[in-house]
Each structure stands twice: as C-alpha cells, then as structure tokens.
Amino acid sequence: MISIVIDANIIFSALYNKKGLERTIINLILEKNEMQLFAPVIFREEITRNLENKLGFNRKTIETNLNYFDIIEIPYQNYNVKLSQAGKLVAHQNDIPYIAVALLINGIIWSGNIKHFRHLKSSKEVIWFNTRNLFNYLKRKNIK
C-alpha cells in the first residue's frame, strides 16, 4: 500500500478544477486499493477556510467532498512525536504537521507548493512529489 500525505492545496485544486490532473490522480487513488490518502487533522480547518473564502463553498458541500476523498486524518497526539524532526526539514510552520505525518507513516508528501517543499528532493527522510511527479511515479509503478 502506498501512503500519500496530501497537502490542502491539492484538495483545493481538485475541487477548483474537476478536470485537472489533481482530480484525475485522486480519482485514480479512490479506484485502486493500492494507495491511501492521509493528512494531519488540522488540514480540515485549513481547507474549509480556503474553500469558504476563495470558492464560496458552504460547509455541507465541503464535508461531502472531503468525505468522498476518503482521507485518513491523523490526530495531533499521534504525529506530535515527529514534530521536532519535521521542523528541521521545512521552514514554513504550516507545513510541519504534514511532514510529521509523512515521517510517522513513512509516506509520500503530495503538495503543489514547490517553494516550500522543493528542497526535500534531496532528503533521505521524506519523499515529496508535486502533481506531475506523482503522476509519473504512479505510471512507473504501473498504477493507472
């Protein structure tokens, strides 16, 4: 099973553009039993705020979509043991919980935020993919 920690910006993109590559990959993940999406529990607050403020979504629509995406939310008390290690890998405070979850579950990070995550390309502790790289990775794994 491939564990993927999904950044809130990917969910936003998938809901904003239902024909985009982010949505295509999420649909692929939902169709296959070879992958599972994870996120720190704080992602729900972040994505809800962004979808309400930027796209005008109401809470019911947001909840319906998030439930459809079948994201396993990892509670703070589970990933807090990895926060210190995660803090050494990224500079942006809001990204630390995502890194901590990836470290905890030994998962891939999927984020479109190249500025915050690109330095992880050389990391031996965490694997980060932007959308195009994740798509290519899944193709190489023959998951399509």
N, C-alpha and C. Protein backbone atom coordinates (compact mmCIF):
# COMPACT_ATOMS: atom_id res chain seq x y z
N MET A 1 0.86 -1.19 0.00
CA MET A 1 0.00 0.00 0.00
C MET A 1 0.90 1.24 0.00
N ILE A 2 0.61 2.16 -0.88
CA ILE A 2 1.33 3.43 -0.94
C ILE A 2 0.57 4.44 -0.09
N SER A 3 1.24 5.00 0.89
CA SER A 3 0.65 6.02 1.77
C SER A 3 1.04 7.40 1.26
N ILE A 4 0.04 8.24 1.03
CA ILE A 4 0.28 9.57 0.48
C ILE A 4 -0.31 10.61 1.42
N VAL A 5 0.56 11.51 1.89
CA VAL A 5 0.11 12.63 2.71
C VAL A 5 -0.23 13.77 1.76
N ILE A 6 -1.49 14.15 1.75
CA ILE A 6 -1.97 15.13 0.78
C ILE A 6 -2.05 16.51 1.41
N ASP A 7 -1.46 17.49 0.74
CA ASP A 7 -1.49 18.87 1.21
C ASP A 7 -2.84 19.49 0.85
N ALA A 8 -3.28 20.43 1.65
CA ALA A 8 -4.57 21.08 1.43
C ALA A 8 -4.65 21.74 0.05
N ASN A 9 -3.51 22.23 -0.48
CA ASN A 9 -3.56 22.89 -1.79
C ASN A 9 -3.94 21.92 -2.91
N ILE A 10 -3.66 20.65 -2.73
CA ILE A 10 -4.05 19.66 -3.74
C ILE A 10 -5.56 19.45 -3.73
N ILE A 11 -6.14 19.37 -2.54
CA ILE A 11 -7.60 19.23 -2.42
C ILE A 11 -8.27 20.45 -3.04
N PHE A 12 -7.75 21.64 -2.72
CA PHE A 12 -8.30 22.87 -3.28
C PHE A 12 -8.28 22.80 -4.81
N SER A 13 -7.14 22.43 -5.38
CA SER A 13 -7.02 22.34 -6.84
C SER A 13 -7.98 21.31 -7.43
N ALA A 14 -8.13 20.18 -6.75
CA ALA A 14 -9.01 19.12 -7.25
C ALA A 14 -10.47 19.55 -7.25
N LEU A 15 -10.84 20.39 -6.29
CA LEU A 15 -12.23 20.88 -6.24
C LEU A 15 -12.44 22.08 -7.16
N TYR A 16 -11.41 22.87 -7.35
CA TYR A 16 -11.49 24.04 -8.22
C TYR A 16 -11.56 23.61 -9.69
N ASN A 17 -10.76 22.62 -10.06
CA ASN A 17 -10.70 22.17 -11.44
C ASN A 17 -10.93 20.66 -11.48
N LYS A 18 -12.17 20.27 -11.67
CA LYS A 18 -12.53 18.85 -11.62
C LYS A 18 -11.99 18.04 -12.80
N LYS A 19 -11.45 18.72 -13.81
CA LYS A 19 -10.85 18.02 -14.94
C LYS A 19 -9.33 18.08 -14.91
N GLY A 20 -8.79 18.65 -13.84
CA GLY A 20 -7.35 18.80 -13.71
C GLY A 20 -6.65 17.51 -13.30
N LEU A 21 -5.34 17.55 -13.35
CA LEU A 21 -4.53 16.37 -13.02
C LEU A 21 -4.67 15.98 -11.55
N GLU A 22 -4.84 16.95 -10.67
CA GLU A 22 -5.01 16.62 -9.25
C GLU A 22 -6.25 15.75 -9.04
N ARG A 23 -7.35 16.15 -9.67
CA ARG A 23 -8.60 15.38 -9.54
C ARG A 23 -8.46 14.01 -10.21
N THR A 24 -7.76 13.97 -11.33
CA THR A 24 -7.53 12.70 -12.02
C THR A 24 -6.78 11.73 -11.11
N ILE A 25 -5.74 12.23 -10.43
CA ILE A 25 -4.96 11.37 -9.54
C ILE A 25 -5.80 10.93 -8.34
N ILE A 26 -6.55 11.85 -7.76
CA ILE A 26 -7.40 11.48 -6.62
C ILE A 26 -8.40 10.41 -7.03
N ASN A 27 -9.01 10.58 -8.19
CA ASN A 27 -9.96 9.56 -8.67
C ASN A 27 -9.27 8.21 -8.86
N LEU A 28 -8.05 8.24 -9.36
CA LEU A 28 -7.27 7.01 -9.53
C LEU A 28 -7.00 6.36 -8.18
N ILE A 29 -6.63 7.16 -7.21
CA ILE A 29 -6.38 6.65 -5.86
C ILE A 29 -7.64 6.00 -5.29
N LEU A 30 -8.78 6.64 -5.51
CA LEU A 30 -10.04 6.11 -4.99
C LEU A 30 -10.45 4.81 -5.69
N GLU A 31 -10.08 4.67 -6.97
CA GLU A 31 -10.43 3.47 -7.74
C GLU A 31 -9.57 2.27 -7.37
N LYS A 32 -8.32 2.53 -7.02
CA LYS A 32 -7.36 1.45 -6.75
C LYS A 32 -7.27 1.19 -5.25
N ASN A 33 -6.97 -0.02 -4.89
CA ASN A 33 -6.77 -0.35 -3.48
C ASN A 33 -5.29 -0.37 -3.13
N GLU A 34 -4.48 0.30 -3.92
CA GLU A 34 -3.04 0.28 -3.73
C GLU A 34 -2.51 1.53 -3.04
N MET A 35 -3.39 2.51 -2.80
CA MET A 35 -2.97 3.78 -2.23
C MET A 35 -3.99 4.27 -1.21
N GLN A 36 -3.51 5.07 -0.25
CA GLN A 36 -4.40 5.67 0.74
C GLN A 36 -3.92 7.09 1.01
N LEU A 37 -4.87 8.01 1.11
CA LEU A 37 -4.56 9.40 1.42
C LEU A 37 -4.61 9.64 2.93
N PHE A 38 -3.66 10.44 3.41
CA PHE A 38 -3.58 10.82 4.82
C PHE A 38 -3.37 12.32 4.91
N ALA A 39 -3.70 12.89 6.06
CA ALA A 39 -3.42 14.31 6.34
C ALA A 39 -3.46 14.51 7.85
N PRO A 40 -2.73 15.52 8.33
CA PRO A 40 -2.88 15.86 9.75
C PRO A 40 -4.28 16.41 9.97
N VAL A 41 -4.82 16.20 11.14
CA VAL A 41 -6.20 16.60 11.43
C VAL A 41 -6.42 18.10 11.18
N ILE A 42 -5.38 18.91 11.29
CA ILE A 42 -5.51 20.36 11.08
C ILE A 42 -5.83 20.74 9.64
N PHE A 43 -5.63 19.80 8.70
CA PHE A 43 -5.87 20.14 7.30
C PHE A 43 -7.33 20.50 7.06
N ARG A 44 -8.24 19.86 7.80
CA ARG A 44 -9.68 20.09 7.59
C ARG A 44 -10.03 21.56 7.83
N GLU A 45 -9.48 22.14 8.88
CA GLU A 45 -9.72 23.56 9.17
C GLU A 45 -9.16 24.44 8.06
N GLU A 46 -7.94 24.13 7.62
CA GLU A 46 -7.29 24.92 6.57
C GLU A 46 -8.07 24.85 5.26
N ILE A 47 -8.44 23.66 4.83
CA ILE A 47 -9.13 23.53 3.55
C ILE A 47 -10.54 24.10 3.63
N THR A 48 -11.20 23.95 4.76
CA THR A 48 -12.54 24.52 4.93
C THR A 48 -12.49 26.04 4.81
N ARG A 49 -11.56 26.65 5.49
CA ARG A 49 -11.40 28.11 5.44
C ARG A 49 -11.14 28.58 4.01
N ASN A 50 -10.24 27.91 3.31
CA ASN A 50 -9.90 28.31 1.94
C ASN A 50 -11.06 28.11 0.97
N LEU A 51 -11.76 27.01 1.11
CA LEU A 51 -12.89 26.75 0.20
C LEU A 51 -14.05 27.71 0.45
N GLU A 52 -14.28 28.06 1.70
CA GLU A 52 -15.33 29.03 2.02
C GLU A 52 -14.96 30.42 1.50
N ASN A 53 -13.74 30.85 1.79
CA ASN A 53 -13.32 32.21 1.46
C ASN A 53 -13.02 32.42 -0.02
N LYS A 54 -12.41 31.45 -0.66
CA LYS A 54 -11.96 31.65 -2.04
C LYS A 54 -12.93 31.12 -3.10
N LEU A 55 -13.66 30.06 -2.77
CA LEU A 55 -14.58 29.49 -3.76
C LEU A 55 -16.05 29.62 -3.36
N GLY A 56 -16.31 30.12 -2.16
CA GLY A 56 -17.68 30.30 -1.71
C GLY A 56 -18.43 29.01 -1.39
N PHE A 57 -17.70 27.94 -1.12
CA PHE A 57 -18.33 26.66 -0.78
C PHE A 57 -18.99 26.78 0.59
N ASN A 58 -20.12 26.10 0.77
CA ASN A 58 -20.72 26.03 2.11
C ASN A 58 -20.19 24.78 2.82
N ARG A 59 -20.39 24.72 4.13
CA ARG A 59 -19.82 23.63 4.94
C ARG A 59 -20.32 22.25 4.52
N LYS A 60 -21.58 22.16 4.15
CA LYS A 60 -22.14 20.85 3.75
C LYS A 60 -21.44 20.34 2.49
N THR A 61 -21.23 21.21 1.51
CA THR A 61 -20.54 20.84 0.28
C THR A 61 -19.11 20.42 0.58
N ILE A 62 -18.46 21.16 1.45
CA ILE A 62 -17.08 20.84 1.81
C ILE A 62 -17.01 19.47 2.47
N GLU A 63 -17.88 19.22 3.44
CA GLU A 63 -17.88 17.94 4.14
C GLU A 63 -18.16 16.78 3.19
N THR A 64 -19.10 16.97 2.27
CA THR A 64 -19.42 15.93 1.30
C THR A 64 -18.20 15.59 0.46
N ASN A 65 -17.51 16.63 -0.03
CA ASN A 65 -16.32 16.40 -0.85
C ASN A 65 -15.19 15.76 -0.07
N LEU A 66 -14.94 16.24 1.14
CA LEU A 66 -13.86 15.67 1.94
C LEU A 66 -14.14 14.21 2.29
N ASN A 67 -15.38 13.90 2.57
CA ASN A 67 -15.73 12.50 2.85
C ASN A 67 -15.54 11.62 1.62
N TYR A 68 -15.86 12.16 0.45
CA TYR A 68 -15.67 11.43 -0.80
C TYR A 68 -14.20 11.08 -1.02
N PHE A 69 -13.30 12.00 -0.66
CA PHE A 69 -11.87 11.80 -0.90
C PHE A 69 -11.25 10.76 0.03
N ASP A 70 -11.97 10.34 1.06
CA ASP A 70 -11.53 9.24 1.93
C ASP A 70 -10.12 9.46 2.49
N ILE A 71 -9.92 10.62 3.07
CA ILE A 71 -8.62 10.97 3.65
C ILE A 71 -8.62 10.56 5.12
N ILE A 72 -7.63 9.77 5.51
CA ILE A 72 -7.49 9.40 6.91
C ILE A 72 -6.79 10.55 7.62
N GLU A 73 -7.49 11.12 8.59
CA GLU A 73 -6.94 12.26 9.34
C GLU A 73 -6.19 11.74 10.57
N ILE A 74 -4.94 12.12 10.67
CA ILE A 74 -4.08 11.68 11.77
C ILE A 74 -4.15 12.71 12.90
N PRO A 75 -4.56 12.29 14.09
CA PRO A 75 -4.66 13.22 15.22
C PRO A 75 -3.29 13.73 15.67
N TYR A 76 -3.30 14.93 16.23
CA TYR A 76 -2.08 15.57 16.72
C TYR A 76 -1.32 14.65 17.67
N GLN A 77 -2.01 14.00 18.58
CA GLN A 77 -1.33 13.18 19.57
C GLN A 77 -0.58 12.00 18.94
N ASN A 78 -0.90 11.64 17.71
CA ASN A 78 -0.17 10.58 17.01
C ASN A 78 1.09 11.12 16.34
N TYR A 79 1.00 12.29 15.69
CA TYR A 79 2.15 12.78 14.94
C TYR A 79 3.04 13.75 15.72
N ASN A 80 2.63 14.16 16.92
CA ASN A 80 3.42 15.15 17.65
C ASN A 80 4.82 14.64 17.99
N VAL A 81 5.02 13.33 18.05
CA VAL A 81 6.35 12.78 18.32
C VAL A 81 7.33 13.04 17.17
N LYS A 82 6.82 13.41 16.01
CA LYS A 82 7.66 13.67 14.84
C LYS A 82 7.80 15.17 14.52
N LEU A 83 7.19 16.03 15.32
CA LEU A 83 7.20 17.47 15.03
C LEU A 83 8.60 18.06 15.05
N SER A 84 9.41 17.68 16.00
CA SER A 84 10.76 18.22 16.09
C SER A 84 11.58 17.84 14.86
N GLN A 85 11.52 16.59 14.49
CA GLN A 85 12.23 16.12 13.30
C GLN A 85 11.70 16.82 12.05
N ALA A 86 10.38 16.95 11.96
CA ALA A 86 9.76 17.60 10.80
C ALA A 86 10.16 19.07 10.72
N GLY A 87 10.26 19.74 11.87
CA GLY A 87 10.64 21.14 11.90
C GLY A 87 12.02 21.40 11.35
N LYS A 88 12.87 20.41 11.37
CA LYS A 88 14.23 20.54 10.82
C LYS A 88 14.24 20.38 9.30
N LEU A 89 13.16 19.87 8.76
CA LEU A 89 13.10 19.60 7.32
C LEU A 89 12.42 20.69 6.51
N VAL A 90 11.57 21.49 7.15
CA VAL A 90 10.88 22.57 6.43
C VAL A 90 10.91 23.85 7.26
N ALA A 91 10.90 24.97 6.58
CA ALA A 91 10.96 26.27 7.25
C ALA A 91 9.56 26.81 7.56
N HIS A 92 8.60 26.48 6.74
CA HIS A 92 7.26 27.04 6.88
C HIS A 92 6.49 26.28 7.96
N GLN A 93 6.09 26.97 9.01
CA GLN A 93 5.42 26.37 10.17
C GLN A 93 4.19 25.55 9.80
N ASN A 94 3.39 26.03 8.85
CA ASN A 94 2.15 25.34 8.49
C ASN A 94 2.40 23.99 7.81
N ASP A 95 3.62 23.77 7.30
CA ASP A 95 3.94 22.52 6.62
C ASP A 95 4.44 21.44 7.57
N ILE A 96 4.85 21.83 8.76
CA ILE A 96 5.45 20.87 9.70
C ILE A 96 4.52 19.70 10.02
N PRO A 97 3.22 19.91 10.28
CA PRO A 97 2.36 18.74 10.56
C PRO A 97 2.29 17.74 9.39
N TYR A 98 2.33 18.23 8.16
CA TYR A 98 2.28 17.34 7.00
C TYR A 98 3.55 16.48 6.94
N ILE A 99 4.69 17.11 7.19
CA ILE A 99 5.96 16.38 7.21
C ILE A 99 5.94 15.37 8.36
N ALA A 100 5.45 15.79 9.53
CA ALA A 100 5.40 14.90 10.69
C ALA A 100 4.56 13.65 10.39
N VAL A 101 3.43 13.84 9.73
CA VAL A 101 2.58 12.69 9.38
C VAL A 101 3.32 11.78 8.39
N ALA A 102 3.98 12.37 7.40
CA ALA A 102 4.74 11.57 6.43
C ALA A 102 5.82 10.75 7.13
N LEU A 103 6.51 11.37 8.08
CA LEU A 103 7.53 10.65 8.84
C LEU A 103 6.90 9.52 9.67
N LEU A 104 5.78 9.80 10.28
CA LEU A 104 5.10 8.82 11.13
C LEU A 104 4.67 7.58 10.35
N ILE A 105 4.09 7.79 9.18
CA ILE A 105 3.54 6.67 8.40
C ILE A 105 4.47 6.20 7.29
N ASN A 106 5.64 6.85 7.20
CA ASN A 106 6.59 6.55 6.13
C ASN A 106 5.93 6.72 4.76
N GLY A 107 5.29 7.88 4.61
CA GLY A 107 4.52 8.16 3.40
C GLY A 107 5.16 9.21 2.51
N ILE A 108 4.62 9.32 1.33
CA ILE A 108 5.00 10.33 0.34
C ILE A 108 4.21 11.59 0.64
N ILE A 109 4.83 12.75 0.45
CA ILE A 109 4.11 14.02 0.56
C ILE A 109 3.73 14.47 -0.85
N TRP A 110 2.46 14.82 -1.02
CA TRP A 110 1.98 15.34 -2.30
C TRP A 110 1.54 16.77 -2.07
N SER A 111 2.31 17.69 -2.63
CA SER A 111 2.00 19.11 -2.50
C SER A 111 2.38 19.84 -3.78
N GLY A 112 1.58 20.80 -4.12
CA GLY A 112 1.89 21.65 -5.26
C GLY A 112 2.73 22.85 -4.88
N ASN A 113 3.06 22.98 -3.62
CA ASN A 113 3.82 24.13 -3.14
C ASN A 113 5.31 23.88 -3.32
N ILE A 114 5.79 24.15 -4.50
CA ILE A 114 7.19 23.89 -4.85
C ILE A 114 8.13 24.73 -3.99
N LYS A 115 7.76 25.96 -3.73
CA LYS A 115 8.61 26.86 -2.94
C LYS A 115 8.90 26.27 -1.55
N HIS A 116 7.90 25.70 -0.92
CA HIS A 116 8.06 25.19 0.45
C HIS A 116 8.69 23.80 0.50
N PHE A 117 8.55 23.01 -0.56
CA PHE A 117 8.94 21.60 -0.48
C PHE A 117 10.08 21.18 -1.40
N ARG A 118 10.48 22.01 -2.35
CA ARG A 118 11.45 21.55 -3.35
C ARG A 118 12.76 21.07 -2.76
N HIS A 119 13.19 21.64 -1.65
CA HIS A 119 14.45 21.21 -1.04
C HIS A 119 14.37 19.77 -0.51
N LEU A 120 13.16 19.23 -0.38
CA LEU A 120 13.00 17.84 0.07
C LEU A 120 13.39 16.83 -1.00
N LYS A 121 13.61 17.30 -2.23
CA LYS A 121 14.03 16.40 -3.30
C LYS A 121 15.31 15.66 -2.92
N SER A 122 16.15 16.31 -2.14
CA SER A 122 17.42 15.68 -1.74
C SER A 122 17.34 15.02 -0.36
N SER A 123 16.17 15.04 0.26
CA SER A 123 16.00 14.47 1.59
C SER A 123 16.01 12.94 1.54
N LYS A 124 16.64 12.36 2.52
CA LYS A 124 16.61 10.91 2.66
C LYS A 124 15.51 10.48 3.63
N GLU A 125 14.88 11.44 4.28
CA GLU A 125 13.87 11.14 5.30
C GLU A 125 12.44 11.18 4.76
N VAL A 126 12.19 12.06 3.79
CA VAL A 126 10.84 12.25 3.27
C VAL A 126 10.88 12.35 1.75
N ILE A 127 9.91 11.72 1.11
CA ILE A 127 9.77 11.83 -0.34
C ILE A 127 8.66 12.82 -0.62
N TRP A 128 8.95 13.82 -1.46
CA TRP A 128 7.95 14.82 -1.86
C TRP A 128 7.76 14.75 -3.36
N PHE A 129 6.50 14.79 -3.77
CA PHE A 129 6.16 14.88 -5.18
C PHE A 129 5.21 16.04 -5.40
N ASN A 130 5.45 16.80 -6.49
CA ASN A 130 4.40 17.69 -6.95
C ASN A 130 3.45 16.83 -7.79
N THR A 131 2.42 17.41 -8.33
CA THR A 131 1.40 16.63 -9.03
C THR A 131 1.96 15.88 -10.23
N ARG A 132 2.72 16.55 -11.06
CA ARG A 132 3.27 15.91 -12.26
C ARG A 132 4.20 14.76 -11.88
N ASN A 133 5.06 14.97 -10.89
CA ASN A 133 5.98 13.92 -10.46
C ASN A 133 5.24 12.72 -9.87
N LEU A 134 4.18 12.98 -9.11
CA LEU A 134 3.39 11.87 -8.55
C LEU A 134 2.73 11.08 -9.68
N PHE A 135 2.18 11.79 -10.65
CA PHE A 135 1.55 11.12 -11.79
C PHE A 135 2.56 10.22 -12.50
N ASN A 136 3.76 10.74 -12.75
CA ASN A 136 4.80 9.95 -13.41
C ASN A 136 5.24 8.76 -12.56
N TYR A 137 5.33 8.96 -11.26
CA TYR A 137 5.68 7.88 -10.32
C TYR A 137 4.64 6.76 -10.39
N LEU A 138 3.37 7.13 -10.37
CA LEU A 138 2.30 6.13 -10.43
C LEU A 138 2.31 5.39 -11.77
N LYS A 139 2.64 6.10 -12.84
CA LYS A 139 2.75 5.44 -14.15
C LYS A 139 3.89 4.42 -14.14
N ARG A 140 5.03 4.81 -13.54
CA ARG A 140 6.17 3.88 -13.46
C ARG A 140 5.82 2.65 -12.62
N LYS A 141 4.99 2.85 -11.62
CA LYS A 141 4.54 1.74 -10.76
C LYS A 141 3.43 0.94 -11.44
N ASN A 142 3.07 1.37 -12.65
CA ASN A 142 2.00 0.73 -13.43
C ASN A 142 0.64 0.83 -12.75
N ILE A 143 0.43 1.95 -12.06
CA ILE A 143 -0.86 2.23 -11.43
C ILE A 143 -1.55 3.28 -12.29
N LYS A 144 -2.47 2.84 -13.11
CA LYS A 144 -3.17 3.76 -13.99
C LYS A 144 -4.57 3.32 -14.27
